[in-house]
């Protein structure tokens, strides 16, 4: 009984602490009406040229998304809101940067859809040609590399087992065209299965291919002789690294994350020597200072390495249009945006 009572006291105390923290967090960030939000921003030196329009935009998209997402470059001290905004900064200025990022987000998704469509077909073709189009053969872990073992959730698994499970589940789907191929042909081939794969699983399928098949995928995607790919380990590593960064941007854009100043520590490209330096136009010294790692300009340069230029051109045009329109209104932000995005100024040239 005494033991039970002590455990009860301990649980009650933990619950009290948790509730206190929760309540304090609620008090720290209480609800504010749109008018109150505008008043707070005015008290911090932010100008409003049209309060009615600003109120409507805050109502539509939210204070957090517009202000907290894009305020840093406009504040005296980004780490201290109470120090307020720099002189002559308006709500419209911040809102236009928010709009630029919306354009960049849509452009990123559009561009990566071209890349994804291309990769899907190349992987499906390569698997069918070199492994098999028979699902009993191509969905067999013995035909792939296993990958590095990971914990999920309470046991260790190999990535290949997770991928095989995913591929098998797709062949068992009851919607079309999977049901038709299973019932009428007794087999769901790779070029049908690949239609349902997420980009993440498609990338895993690519990475888990054995060296011969993987080299063929890279060869087709980059338009290079397969002998060059097979004899260049650095090239194969760069390709794999870039797929991870590309997926990071796809997920960030799809979930409404900021794109113009996006940086991924987890998926930044490792510096891999002279070939990397030539592809991404960055020296080792510049890399050590943070350049050429994972900014939007790095994604753009990476897309330019592939034979199919649709993804590269789409992203390039979207960046160009978004920046040109914004910089007509706020030319003083030019260097900030180019440096933050790691974009070459030449893309703003009228000759492009």
C-alpha atoms as a PDB file:
ATOM      1  CA  UNK A   1       0.000   0.000   0.000  1.00  0.00           C
ATOM      2  CA  UNK A   2       2.798   2.403   0.964  1.00  0.00           C
ATOM      3  CA  UNK A   3       4.569   1.682  -2.311  1.00  0.00           C
ATOM      4  CA  UNK A   4       1.381   2.292  -4.279  1.00  0.00           C
ATOM      5  CA  UNK A   5       0.795   5.553  -2.422  1.00  0.00           C
ATOM      6  CA  UNK A   6       4.337   6.780  -3.188  1.00  0.00           C
ATOM      7  CA  UNK A   7       3.903   5.913  -6.836  1.00  0.00           C
ATOM      8  CA  UNK A   8       0.635   7.807  -6.830  1.00  0.00           C
ATOM      9  CA  UNK A   9       2.296  10.877  -5.321  1.00  0.00           C
ATOM     10  CA  UNK A  10       5.114  10.683  -7.870  1.00  0.00           C
ATOM     11  CA  UNK A  11       2.687  10.406 -10.768  1.00  0.00           C
ATOM     12  CA  UNK A  12       0.664  13.319  -9.421  1.00  0.00           C
ATOM     13  CA  UNK A  13       3.766  15.476  -9.103  1.00  0.00           C
ATOM     14  CA  UNK A  14       4.876  14.674 -12.678  1.00  0.00           C
ATOM     15  CA  UNK A  15       1.375  15.476 -13.937  1.00  0.00           C
ATOM     16  CA  UNK A  16       1.462  18.768 -11.994  1.00  0.00           C
ATOM     17  CA  UNK A  17       4.800  19.723 -13.570  1.00  0.00           C
ATOM     18  CA  UNK A  18       3.620  18.771 -17.055  1.00  0.00           C
ATOM     19  CA  UNK A  19       0.384  20.726 -16.611  1.00  0.00           C
ATOM     20  CA  UNK A  20       2.301  23.736 -15.330  1.00  0.00           C
ATOM     21  CA  UNK A  21       4.642  23.725 -18.327  1.00  0.00           C
ATOM     22  CA  UNK A  22       1.705  23.319 -20.678  1.00  0.00           C
ATOM     23  CA  UNK A  23      -0.212  26.171 -19.052  1.00  0.00           C
ATOM     24  CA  UNK A  24       2.854  28.416 -19.105  1.00  0.00           C
ATOM     25  CA  UNK A  25       3.334  27.732 -22.796  1.00  0.00           C
ATOM     26  CA  UNK A  26      -0.274  28.642 -23.448  1.00  0.00           C
ATOM     27  CA  UNK A  27       0.083  31.902 -21.551  1.00  0.00           C
ATOM     28  CA  UNK A  28       3.285  32.777 -23.396  1.00  0.00           C
ATOM     29  CA  UNK A  29       1.485  32.583 -26.757  1.00  0.00           C
ATOM     30  CA  UNK A  30      -2.137  33.653 -26.172  1.00  0.00           C
ATOM     31  CA  UNK A  31      -4.625  34.113 -29.003  1.00  0.00           C
ATOM     32  CA  UNK A  32      -4.599  37.554 -30.627  1.00  0.00           C
ATOM     33  CA  UNK A  33      -7.239  39.007 -32.911  1.00  0.00           C
ATOM     34  CA  UNK A  34      -6.186  40.357 -36.299  1.00  0.00           C
ATOM     35  CA  UNK A  35      -6.479  43.930 -34.988  1.00  0.00           C
ATOM     36  CA  UNK A  36      -4.300  43.036 -32.009  1.00  0.00           C
ATOM     37  CA  UNK A  37      -1.726  41.441 -34.318  1.00  0.00           C
ATOM     38  CA  UNK A  38      -1.551  44.629 -36.396  1.00  0.00           C
ATOM     39  CA  UNK A  39      -1.218  46.743 -33.242  1.00  0.00           C
ATOM     40  CA  UNK A  40       1.690  44.608 -32.038  1.00  0.00           C
ATOM     41  CA  UNK A  41       3.437  44.927 -35.388  1.00  0.00           C
ATOM     42  CA  UNK A  42       2.902  48.694 -35.440  1.00  0.00           C
ATOM     43  CA  UNK A  43       4.377  48.942 -31.953  1.00  0.00           C
ATOM     44  CA  UNK A  44       7.469  47.246 -33.384  1.00  0.00           C
ATOM     45  CA  UNK A  45       7.902  49.872 -36.102  1.00  0.00           C
ATOM     46  CA  UNK A  46       6.267  47.971 -38.993  1.00  0.00           C
ATOM     47  CA  UNK A  47       4.435  50.234 -41.455  1.00  0.00           C
ATOM     48  CA  UNK A  48       0.968  49.512 -42.872  1.00  0.00           C
ATOM     49  CA  UNK A  49      -0.018  51.230 -46.117  1.00  0.00           C
ATOM     50  CA  UNK A  50      -3.393  49.485 -46.256  1.00  0.00           C
ATOM     51  CA  UNK A  51      -4.572  47.929 -42.986  1.00  0.00           C
ATOM     52  CA  UNK A  52      -7.687  46.414 -44.539  1.00  0.00           C
ATOM     53  CA  UNK A  53      -5.694  44.456 -47.135  1.00  0.00           C
ATOM     54  CA  UNK A  54      -3.087  43.481 -44.547  1.00  0.00           C
ATOM     55  CA  UNK A  55      -5.825  42.251 -42.202  1.00  0.00           C
ATOM     56  CA  UNK A  56      -7.320  40.134 -44.975  1.00  0.00           C
ATOM     57  CA  UNK A  57      -3.938  38.564 -45.788  1.00  0.00           C
ATOM     58  CA  UNK A  58      -3.258  37.834 -42.116  1.00  0.00           C
ATOM     59  CA  UNK A  59      -6.673  36.217 -41.882  1.00  0.00           C
ATOM     60  CA  UNK A  60      -6.081  34.117 -44.998  1.00  0.00           C
ATOM     61  CA  UNK A  61      -2.528  32.932 -44.408  1.00  0.00           C
ATOM     62  CA  UNK A  62      -1.759  33.571 -40.751  1.00  0.00           C
ATOM     63  CA  UNK A  63       0.608  35.690 -38.702  1.00  0.00           C
ATOM     64  CA  UNK A  64       3.024  32.832 -38.194  1.00  0.00           C
ATOM     65  CA  UNK A  65       3.311  32.026 -41.901  1.00  0.00           C
ATOM     66  CA  UNK A  66       3.764  35.618 -43.101  1.00  0.00           C
ATOM     67  CA  UNK A  67       5.552  37.408 -40.277  1.00  0.00           C
ATOM     68  CA  UNK A  68       7.453  34.729 -38.392  1.00  0.00           C
ATOM     69  CA  UNK A  69       8.378  33.006 -41.618  1.00  0.00           C
ATOM     70  CA  UNK A  70       9.878  36.011 -43.428  1.00  0.00           C
ATOM     71  CA  UNK A  71      10.694  38.724 -40.890  1.00  0.00           C
ATOM     72  CA  UNK A  72      14.362  37.986 -40.150  1.00  0.00           C
ATOM     73  CA  UNK A  73      15.961  40.141 -42.841  1.00  0.00           C
ATOM     74  CA  UNK A  74      13.772  43.078 -41.849  1.00  0.00           C
ATOM     75  CA  UNK A  75      14.408  43.136 -38.101  1.00  0.00           C
ATOM     76  CA  UNK A  76      17.007  44.986 -36.069  1.00  0.00           C
ATOM     77  CA  UNK A  77      17.743  41.767 -34.190  1.00  0.00           C
ATOM     78  CA  UNK A  78      16.038  38.602 -35.554  1.00  0.00           C
ATOM     79  CA  UNK A  79      16.521  36.904 -32.176  1.00  0.00           C
ATOM     80  CA  UNK A  80      14.662  39.635 -30.267  1.00  0.00           C
ATOM     81  CA  UNK A  81      11.233  40.711 -31.567  1.00  0.00           C
ATOM     82  CA  UNK A  82      10.995  43.507 -29.014  1.00  0.00           C
ATOM     83  CA  UNK A  83      13.775  45.458 -30.737  1.00  0.00           C
ATOM     84  CA  UNK A  84      11.422  45.782 -33.668  1.00  0.00           C
ATOM     85  CA  UNK A  85      11.775  46.266 -37.394  1.00  0.00           C
ATOM     86  CA  UNK A  86      14.268  48.393 -39.275  1.00  0.00           C
ATOM     87  CA  UNK A  87      13.095  51.810 -40.395  1.00  0.00           C
ATOM     88  CA  UNK A  88      10.753  52.072 -43.401  1.00  0.00           C
ATOM     89  CA  UNK A  89       9.904  48.358 -43.499  1.00  0.00           C
ATOM     90  CA  UNK A  90       6.267  47.730 -44.405  1.00  0.00           C
ATOM     91  CA  UNK A  91       3.918  44.791 -44.082  1.00  0.00           C
ATOM     92  CA  UNK A  92       3.620  44.824 -47.883  1.00  0.00           C
ATOM     93  CA  UNK A  93       7.377  44.273 -48.186  1.00  0.00           C
ATOM     94  CA  UNK A  94       7.290  41.166 -45.988  1.00  0.00           C
ATOM     95  CA  UNK A  95       4.138  39.918 -47.675  1.00  0.00           C
ATOM     96  CA  UNK A  96       5.756  40.185 -51.126  1.00  0.00           C
ATOM     97  CA  UNK A  97       8.661  38.033 -49.929  1.00  0.00           C
ATOM     98  CA  UNK A  98       6.073  35.543 -48.673  1.00  0.00           C
ATOM     99  CA  UNK A  99       4.564  35.576 -52.198  1.00  0.00           C
ATOM    100  CA  UNK A 100       7.974  35.059 -53.811  1.00  0.00           C
ATOM    101  CA  UNK A 101       8.461  31.975 -51.683  1.00  0.00           C
ATOM    102  CA  UNK A 102       5.030  30.701 -52.691  1.00  0.00           C
ATOM    103  CA  UNK A 103       6.119  30.976 -56.323  1.00  0.00           C
ATOM    104  CA  UNK A 104       9.423  29.245 -55.611  1.00  0.00           C
ATOM    105  CA  UNK A 105       7.651  26.461 -53.741  1.00  0.00           C
ATOM    106  CA  UNK A 106       5.268  25.822 -56.636  1.00  0.00           C
ATOM    107  CA  UNK A 107       8.147  26.017 -59.115  1.00  0.00           C
ATOM    108  CA  UNK A 108      10.196  23.525 -57.112  1.00  0.00           C
ATOM    109  CA  UNK A 109       7.357  21.022 -57.023  1.00  0.00           C
ATOM    110  CA  UNK A 110       6.720  21.463 -60.754  1.00  0.00           C
ATOM    111  CA  UNK A 111      10.396  21.015 -61.619  1.00  0.00           C
ATOM    112  CA  UNK A 112      10.882  17.952 -59.437  1.00  0.00           C
ATOM    113  CA  UNK A 113       7.807  16.305 -60.930  1.00  0.00           C
ATOM    114  CA  UNK A 114       9.626  16.280 -64.290  1.00  0.00           C
ATOM    115  CA  UNK A 115      12.679  14.705 -62.686  1.00  0.00           C
ATOM    116  CA  UNK A 116      10.575  12.168 -60.802  1.00  0.00           C
ATOM    117  CA  UNK A 117       8.667  11.100 -63.923  1.00  0.00           C
ATOM    118  CA  UNK A 118      11.954  10.559 -65.761  1.00  0.00           C
ATOM    119  CA  UNK A 119      13.505   8.570 -62.897  1.00  0.00           C
ATOM    120  CA  UNK A 120      10.409   6.363 -62.587  1.00  0.00           C
ATOM    121  CA  UNK A 121      10.652   5.225 -66.186  1.00  0.00           C
ATOM    122  CA  UNK A 122      14.412   4.732 -66.124  1.00  0.00           C
ATOM    123  CA  UNK A 123      14.256   2.597 -62.960  1.00  0.00           C
ATOM    124  CA  UNK A 124      11.312   0.539 -64.261  1.00  0.00           C
ATOM    125  CA  UNK A 125      13.071  -0.036 -67.605  1.00  0.00           C
ATOM    126  CA  UNK A 126      16.380  -0.960 -65.976  1.00  0.00           C
ATOM    127  CA  UNK A 127      14.790  -3.369 -63.500  1.00  0.00           C
ATOM    128  CA  UNK A 128      12.690  -5.026 -66.224  1.00  0.00           C
ATOM    129  CA  UNK A 129      15.657  -5.383 -68.584  1.00  0.00           C
ATOM    130  CA  UNK A 130      18.315  -6.509 -66.097  1.00  0.00           C
ATOM    131  CA  UNK A 131      16.418  -8.253 -63.300  1.00  0.00           C
ATOM    132  CA  UNK A 132      12.989  -9.256 -64.611  1.00  0.00           C
ATOM    133  CA  UNK A 133       9.483  -7.976 -65.286  1.00  0.00           C
ATOM    134  CA  UNK A 134       8.129 -10.962 -63.293  1.00  0.00           C
ATOM    135  CA  UNK A 135       7.047  -9.751 -59.867  1.00  0.00           C
ATOM    136  CA  UNK A 136       8.183 -12.998 -58.245  1.00  0.00           C
ATOM    137  CA  UNK A 137      11.717 -12.218 -59.392  1.00  0.00           C
ATOM    138  CA  UNK A 138      12.065  -8.442 -59.254  1.00  0.00           C
ATOM    139  CA  UNK A 139      10.402  -8.377 -55.806  1.00  0.00           C
ATOM    140  CA  UNK A 140      13.077 -10.579 -54.297  1.00  0.00           C
ATOM    141  CA  UNK A 141      15.652  -9.180 -51.898  1.00  0.00           C
ATOM    142  CA  UNK A 142      18.420 -11.384 -53.348  1.00  0.00           C
ATOM    143  CA  UNK A 143      18.459  -9.194 -56.456  1.00  0.00           C
ATOM    144  CA  UNK A 144      19.359  -6.035 -54.517  1.00  0.00           C
ATOM    145  CA  UNK A 145      21.816  -4.598 -52.054  1.00  0.00           C
ATOM    146  CA  UNK A 146      20.543  -4.776 -48.478  1.00  0.00           C
ATOM    147  CA  UNK A 147      21.418  -1.251 -47.358  1.00  0.00           C
ATOM    148  CA  UNK A 148      22.425  -0.232 -43.853  1.00  0.00           C
ATOM    149  CA  UNK A 149      20.370  -1.833 -41.091  1.00  0.00           C
ATOM    150  CA  UNK A 150      18.108   0.506 -39.076  1.00  0.00           C
ATOM    151  CA  UNK A 151      15.809   0.266 -36.063  1.00  0.00           C
ATOM    152  CA  UNK A 152      12.057   0.163 -36.867  1.00  0.00           C
ATOM    153  CA  UNK A 153      10.435   0.596 -34.359  1.00  0.00           C
ATOM    154  CA  UNK A 154      11.631  -2.038 -31.863  1.00  0.00           C
ATOM    155  CA  UNK A 155      13.586  -4.299 -34.171  1.00  0.00           C
ATOM    156  CA  UNK A 156      16.349  -3.927 -36.699  1.00  0.00           C
ATOM    157  CA  UNK A 157      15.482  -4.083 -40.395  1.00  0.00           C
ATOM    158  CA  UNK A 158      17.287  -3.718 -43.674  1.00  0.00           C
ATOM    159  CA  UNK A 159      16.001  -1.082 -46.125  1.00  0.00           C
ATOM    160  CA  UNK A 160      15.642  -3.778 -48.792  1.00  0.00           C
ATOM    161  CA  UNK A 161      13.048  -5.607 -46.672  1.00  0.00           C
ATOM    162  CA  UNK A 162      10.987  -2.469 -46.253  1.00  0.00           C
ATOM    163  CA  UNK A 163      11.207  -1.781 -49.994  1.00  0.00           C
ATOM    164  CA  UNK A 164      10.196  -5.348 -50.912  1.00  0.00           C
ATOM    165  CA  UNK A 165       7.209  -5.076 -48.561  1.00  0.00           C
ATOM    166  CA  UNK A 166       6.164  -1.812 -50.209  1.00  0.00           C
ATOM    167  CA  UNK A 167       6.476  -3.204 -53.739  1.00  0.00           C
ATOM    168  CA  UNK A 168       4.538  -6.325 -52.782  1.00  0.00           C
ATOM    169  CA  UNK A 169       1.720  -4.292 -51.213  1.00  0.00           C
ATOM    170  CA  UNK A 170       1.366  -2.289 -54.425  1.00  0.00           C
ATOM    171  CA  UNK A 171       0.924  -5.476 -56.473  1.00  0.00           C
ATOM    172  CA  UNK A 172      -1.920  -6.465 -54.109  1.00  0.00           C
ATOM    173  CA  UNK A 173      -3.882  -3.226 -54.498  1.00  0.00           C
ATOM    174  CA  UNK A 174      -7.501  -3.503 -55.629  1.00  0.00           C
ATOM    175  CA  UNK A 175      -7.631  -0.288 -57.652  1.00  0.00           C
ATOM    176  CA  UNK A 176      -6.663   0.029 -61.303  1.00  0.00           C
ATOM    177  CA  UNK A 177      -4.400  -0.662 -63.118  1.00  0.00           C
ATOM    178  CA  UNK A 178      -2.976  -3.012 -60.457  1.00  0.00           C
ATOM    179  CA  UNK A 179      -6.075  -5.201 -60.162  1.00  0.00           C
ATOM    180  CA  UNK A 180      -6.325  -5.541 -63.951  1.00  0.00           C
ATOM    181  CA  UNK A 181      -2.709  -6.655 -64.353  1.00  0.00           C
ATOM    182  CA  UNK A 182      -2.943  -9.059 -61.424  1.00  0.00           C
ATOM    183  CA  UNK A 183      -6.251 -10.650 -62.505  1.00  0.00           C
ATOM    184  CA  UNK A 184      -5.866 -10.577 -66.290  1.00  0.00           C
ATOM    185  CA  UNK A 185      -2.119 -11.061 -66.680  1.00  0.00           C
ATOM    186  CA  UNK A 186      -1.118 -12.763 -63.425  1.00  0.00           C
ATOM    187  CA  UNK A 187       1.680 -10.257 -62.950  1.00  0.00           C
ATOM    188  CA  UNK A 188       2.172  -6.584 -62.091  1.00  0.00           C
ATOM    189  CA  UNK A 189       5.333  -5.443 -63.929  1.00  0.00           C
ATOM    190  CA  UNK A 190       7.763  -2.739 -62.744  1.00  0.00           C
ATOM    191  CA  UNK A 191       6.434  -0.067 -65.118  1.00  0.00           C
ATOM    192  CA  UNK A 192       3.021  -0.405 -63.423  1.00  0.00           C
ATOM    193  CA  UNK A 193       4.252  -0.756 -59.823  1.00  0.00           C
ATOM    194  CA  UNK A 194       6.424   2.332 -60.183  1.00  0.00           C
ATOM    195  CA  UNK A 195       3.337   4.461 -60.802  1.00  0.00           C
ATOM    196  CA  UNK A 196       2.305   4.095 -57.152  1.00  0.00           C
ATOM    197  CA  UNK A 197       5.678   4.521 -55.460  1.00  0.00           C
ATOM    198  CA  UNK A 198       6.371   7.633 -53.440  1.00  0.00           C
ATOM    199  CA  UNK A 199       9.454   9.570 -54.483  1.00  0.00           C
ATOM    200  CA  UNK A 200      11.156   8.408 -51.290  1.00  0.00           C
ATOM    201  CA  UNK A 201      10.591   4.740 -52.115  1.00  0.00           C
ATOM    202  CA  UNK A 202      11.563   5.328 -55.740  1.00  0.00           C
ATOM    203  CA  UNK A 203      14.878   6.737 -54.543  1.00  0.00           C
ATOM    204  CA  UNK A 204      15.366   3.747 -52.243  1.00  0.00           C
ATOM    205  CA  UNK A 205      14.712   1.430 -55.183  1.00  0.00           C
ATOM    206  CA  UNK A 206      17.407   3.300 -57.114  1.00  0.00           C
ATOM    207  CA  UNK A 207      19.923   3.237 -54.271  1.00  0.00           C
ATOM    208  CA  UNK A 208      19.403  -0.443 -53.487  1.00  0.00           C
ATOM    209  CA  UNK A 209      20.035  -1.592 -57.050  1.00  0.00           C
ATOM    210  CA  UNK A 210      23.234  -3.563 -57.416  1.00  0.00           C
ATOM    211  CA  UNK A 211      26.164  -1.767 -59.023  1.00  0.00           C
ATOM    212  CA  UNK A 212      25.496  -2.886 -62.603  1.00  0.00           C
ATOM    213  CA  UNK A 213      21.852  -1.768 -62.595  1.00  0.00           C
ATOM    214  CA  UNK A 214      22.594   1.401 -60.633  1.00  0.00           C
ATOM    215  CA  UNK A 215      25.301   2.415 -63.099  1.00  0.00           C
ATOM    216  CA  UNK A 216      22.826   1.929 -65.948  1.00  0.00           C
ATOM    217  CA  UNK A 217      20.269   4.198 -64.250  1.00  0.00           C
ATOM    218  CA  UNK A 218      22.885   6.920 -63.752  1.00  0.00           C
ATOM    219  CA  UNK A 219      24.082   6.487 -67.316  1.00  0.00           C
ATOM    220  CA  UNK A 220      20.576   6.979 -68.703  1.00  0.00           C
ATOM    221  CA  UNK A 221      19.721   9.884 -66.399  1.00  0.00           C
ATOM    222  CA  UNK A 222      22.959  11.764 -67.037  1.00  0.00           C
ATOM    223  CA  UNK A 223      23.405  10.817 -70.694  1.00  0.00           C
ATOM    224  CA  UNK A 224      26.860   9.383 -70.048  1.00  0.00           C
ATOM    225  CA  UNK A 225      28.476   6.216 -71.423  1.00  0.00           C
ATOM    226  CA  UNK A 226      27.986   3.457 -68.885  1.00  0.00           C
ATOM    227  CA  UNK A 227      31.731   2.758 -68.835  1.00  0.00           C
ATOM    228  CA  UNK A 228      32.374   6.251 -67.438  1.00  0.00           C
ATOM    229  CA  UNK A 229      29.820   5.699 -64.669  1.00  0.00           C
ATOM    230  CA  UNK A 230      31.154   2.253 -63.799  1.00  0.00           C
ATOM    231  CA  UNK A 231      34.715   3.570 -63.512  1.00  0.00           C
ATOM    232  CA  UNK A 232      33.915   6.682 -61.478  1.00  0.00           C
ATOM    233  CA  UNK A 233      32.931   6.033 -57.870  1.00  0.00           C
ATOM    234  CA  UNK A 234      32.813   9.764 -57.099  1.00  0.00           C
ATOM    235  CA  UNK A 235      30.176  10.270 -59.772  1.00  0.00           C
ATOM    236  CA  UNK A 236      28.031   7.454 -58.375  1.00  0.00           C
ATOM    237  CA  UNK A 237      28.310   8.887 -54.856  1.00  0.00           C
ATOM    238  CA  UNK A 238      27.379  12.394 -56.024  1.00  0.00           C
ATOM    239  CA  UNK A 239      24.295  10.978 -57.747  1.00  0.00           C
ATOM    240  CA  UNK A 240      23.149   9.235 -54.562  1.00  0.00           C
ATOM    241  CA  UNK A 241      23.840  12.315 -52.433  1.00  0.00           C
ATOM    242  CA  UNK A 242      21.894  14.510 -54.812  1.00  0.00           C
ATOM    243  CA  UNK A 243      18.850  12.221 -54.761  1.00  0.00           C
ATOM    244  CA  UNK A 244      18.663  12.674 -50.980  1.00  0.00           C
ATOM    245  CA  UNK A 245      18.863  16.462 -51.282  1.00  0.00           C
ATOM    246  CA  UNK A 246      16.255  16.440 -54.036  1.00  0.00           C
ATOM    247  CA  UNK A 247      13.875  14.436 -51.827  1.00  0.00           C
ATOM    248  CA  UNK A 248      14.471  16.895 -48.994  1.00  0.00           C
ATOM    249  CA  UNK A 249      13.384  19.787 -51.242  1.00  0.00           C
ATOM    250  CA  UNK A 250      10.397  17.825 -52.547  1.00  0.00           C
ATOM    251  CA  UNK A 251       9.169  17.138 -49.007  1.00  0.00           C
ATOM    252  CA  UNK A 252       9.890  20.671 -47.797  1.00  0.00           C
ATOM    253  CA  UNK A 253       7.940  22.192 -50.683  1.00  0.00           C
ATOM    254  CA  UNK A 254       5.074  19.705 -50.440  1.00  0.00           C
ATOM    255  CA  UNK A 255       4.586  20.501 -46.749  1.00  0.00           C
ATOM    256  CA  UNK A 256       4.650  24.275 -47.117  1.00  0.00           C
ATOM    257  CA  UNK A 257       8.199  24.864 -45.902  1.00  0.00           C
ATOM    258  CA  UNK A 258      10.262  27.907 -46.842  1.00  0.00           C
ATOM    259  CA  UNK A 259      12.274  27.441 -50.027  1.00  0.00           C
ATOM    260  CA  UNK A 260      14.116  30.707 -50.695  1.00  0.00           C
ATOM    261  CA  UNK A 261      16.328  30.310 -47.605  1.00  0.00           C
ATOM    262  CA  UNK A 262      16.080  26.548 -47.155  1.00  0.00           C
ATOM    263  CA  UNK A 263      19.189  24.801 -45.854  1.00  0.00           C
ATOM    264  CA  UNK A 264      19.406  21.146 -44.878  1.00  0.00           C
ATOM    265  CA  UNK A 265      22.194  20.129 -42.538  1.00  0.00           C
ATOM    266  CA  UNK A 266      21.090  16.493 -42.677  1.00  0.00           C
ATOM    267  CA  UNK A 267      20.996  16.255 -46.482  1.00  0.00           C
ATOM    268  CA  UNK A 268      23.723  18.685 -47.480  1.00  0.00           C
ATOM    269  CA  UNK A 269      25.971  17.371 -50.218  1.00  0.00           C
ATOM    270  CA  UNK A 270      29.333  16.104 -48.948  1.00  0.00           C
ATOM    271  CA  UNK A 271      32.356  17.593 -50.661  1.00  0.00           C
ATOM    272  CA  UNK A 272      33.693  14.822 -52.903  1.00  0.00           C
ATOM    273  CA  UNK A 273      36.679  16.325 -54.653  1.00  0.00           C
ATOM    274  CA  UNK A 274      37.414  17.795 -58.070  1.00  0.00           C
ATOM    275  CA  UNK A 275      34.370  16.360 -59.838  1.00  0.00           C
ATOM    276  CA  UNK A 276      32.056  17.779 -57.194  1.00  0.00           C
ATOM    277  CA  UNK A 277      33.858  21.118 -57.415  1.00  0.00           C
ATOM    278  CA  UNK A 278      33.383  21.212 -61.195  1.00  0.00           C
ATOM    279  CA  UNK A 279      29.733  20.169 -61.121  1.00  0.00           C
ATOM    280  CA  UNK A 280      28.630  22.586 -58.400  1.00  0.00           C
ATOM    281  CA  UNK A 281      31.114  25.377 -59.138  1.00  0.00           C
ATOM    282  CA  UNK A 282      32.439  25.649 -55.602  1.00  0.00           C
ATOM    283  CA  UNK A 283      35.974  25.370 -54.256  1.00  0.00           C
ATOM    284  CA  UNK A 284      36.813  23.376 -51.174  1.00  0.00           C
ATOM    285  CA  UNK A 285      37.494  26.644 -49.320  1.00  0.00           C
ATOM    286  CA  UNK A 286      34.085  28.032 -50.320  1.00  0.00           C
ATOM    287  CA  UNK A 287      32.466  24.760 -49.292  1.00  0.00           C
ATOM    288  CA  UNK A 288      34.050  25.005 -45.834  1.00  0.00           C
ATOM    289  CA  UNK A 289      32.380  28.420 -45.504  1.00  0.00           C
ATOM    290  CA  UNK A 290      28.970  26.909 -46.178  1.00  0.00           C
ATOM    291  CA  UNK A 291      28.587  27.276 -49.959  1.00  0.00           C
ATOM    292  CA  UNK A 292      27.615  24.519 -52.369  1.00  0.00           C
ATOM    293  CA  UNK A 293      25.905  22.392 -49.752  1.00  0.00           C
ATOM    294  CA  UNK A 294      22.121  22.484 -49.848  1.00  0.00           C
ATOM    295  CA  UNK A 295      20.740  25.878 -50.893  1.00  0.00           C
ATOM    296  CA  UNK A 296      18.242  26.282 -53.734  1.00  0.00           C
ATOM    297  CA  UNK A 297      21.051  27.233 -56.131  1.00  0.00           C
ATOM    298  CA  UNK A 298      22.722  23.885 -55.385  1.00  0.00           C
ATOM    299  CA  UNK A 299      19.522  22.074 -56.300  1.00  0.00           C
ATOM    300  CA  UNK A 300      19.380  24.071 -59.537  1.00  0.00           C
ATOM    301  CA  UNK A 301      22.983  23.222 -60.486  1.00  0.00           C
ATOM    302  CA  UNK A 302      22.377  19.575 -59.683  1.00  0.00           C
ATOM    303  CA  UNK A 303      19.360  19.390 -61.977  1.00  0.00           C
ATOM    304  CA  UNK A 304      21.497  20.794 -64.787  1.00  0.00           C
ATOM    305  CA  UNK A 305      23.674  17.668 -64.659  1.00  0.00           C
ATOM    306  CA  UNK A 306      20.952  15.464 -66.138  1.00  0.00           C
ATOM    307  CA  UNK A 307      20.382  14.877 -69.825  1.00  0.00           C
ATOM    308  CA  UNK A 308      16.696  15.761 -69.617  1.00  0.00           C
ATOM    309  CA  UNK A 309      16.717  19.524 -68.931  1.00  0.00           C
ATOM    310  CA  UNK A 310      12.980  19.912 -68.279  1.00  0.00           C
ATOM    311  CA  UNK A 311      13.402  19.996 -64.491  1.00  0.00           C
ATOM    312  CA  UNK A 312      16.352  22.393 -64.646  1.00  0.00           C
ATOM    313  CA  UNK A 313      14.679  24.803 -67.076  1.00  0.00           C
ATOM    314  CA  UNK A 314      11.412  24.762 -65.136  1.00  0.00           C
ATOM    315  CA  UNK A 315      13.104  25.654 -61.854  1.00  0.00           C
ATOM    316  CA  UNK A 316      15.350  28.228 -63.525  1.00  0.00           C
ATOM    317  CA  UNK A 317      12.427  30.027 -65.173  1.00  0.00           C
ATOM    318  CA  UNK A 318      10.393  30.038 -61.970  1.00  0.00           C
ATOM    319  CA  UNK A 319      13.287  31.478 -59.976  1.00  0.00           C
ATOM    320  CA  UNK A 320      13.930  34.109 -62.638  1.00  0.00           C
ATOM    321  CA  UNK A 321      10.287  35.226 -62.836  1.00  0.00           C
ATOM    322  CA  UNK A 322       9.807  35.321 -59.066  1.00  0.00           C
ATOM    323  CA  UNK A 323      12.956  37.360 -58.438  1.00  0.00           C
ATOM    324  CA  UNK A 324      12.491  39.802 -61.308  1.00  0.00           C
ATOM    325  CA  UNK A 325       8.969  40.732 -60.230  1.00  0.00           C
ATOM    326  CA  UNK A 326      10.004  41.136 -56.594  1.00  0.00           C
ATOM    327  CA  UNK A 327      13.163  43.118 -57.326  1.00  0.00           C
ATOM    328  CA  UNK A 328      11.228  45.637 -59.423  1.00  0.00           C
ATOM    329  CA  UNK A 329       9.542  46.597 -56.160  1.00  0.00           C
ATOM    330  CA  UNK A 330      12.468  46.074 -53.776  1.00  0.00           C
ATOM    331  CA  UNK A 331      15.797  46.265 -55.649  1.00  0.00           C
ATOM    332  CA  UNK A 332      17.621  46.771 -52.346  1.00  0.00           C
ATOM    333  CA  UNK A 333      17.047  43.082 -51.521  1.00  0.00           C
ATOM    334  CA  UNK A 334      18.944  41.798 -54.553  1.00  0.00           C
ATOM    335  CA  UNK A 335      22.201  40.795 -52.911  1.00  0.00           C
ATOM    336  CA  UNK A 336      20.460  39.351 -49.873  1.00  0.00           C
ATOM    337  CA  UNK A 337      18.310  37.050 -51.998  1.00  0.00           C
ATOM    338  CA  UNK A 338      21.071  35.999 -54.404  1.00  0.00           C
ATOM    339  CA  UNK A 339      23.414  35.169 -51.534  1.00  0.00           C
ATOM    340  CA  UNK A 340      20.772  33.418 -49.468  1.00  0.00           C
ATOM    341  CA  UNK A 341      19.630  31.287 -52.380  1.00  0.00           C
ATOM    342  CA  UNK A 342      23.150  30.886 -53.840  1.00  0.00           C
ATOM    343  CA  UNK A 343      21.845  31.978 -57.213  1.00  0.00           C
ATOM    344  CA  UNK A 344      24.084  33.455 -59.896  1.00  0.00           C
ATOM    345  CA  UNK A 345      23.161  37.027 -60.829  1.00  0.00           C
ATOM    346  CA  UNK A 346      23.335  36.078 -64.512  1.00  0.00           C
ATOM    347  CA  UNK A 347      19.888  34.473 -64.327  1.00  0.00           C
ATOM    348  CA  UNK A 348      18.422  37.978 -63.976  1.00  0.00           C
ATOM    349  CA  UNK A 349      19.945  39.058 -67.261  1.00  0.00           C
ATOM    350  CA  UNK A 350      17.479  40.066 -69.964  1.00  0.00           C
ATOM    351  CA  UNK A 351      19.440  37.864 -72.378  1.00  0.00           C
ATOM    352  CA  UNK A 352      18.342  34.675 -70.624  1.00  0.00           C
END
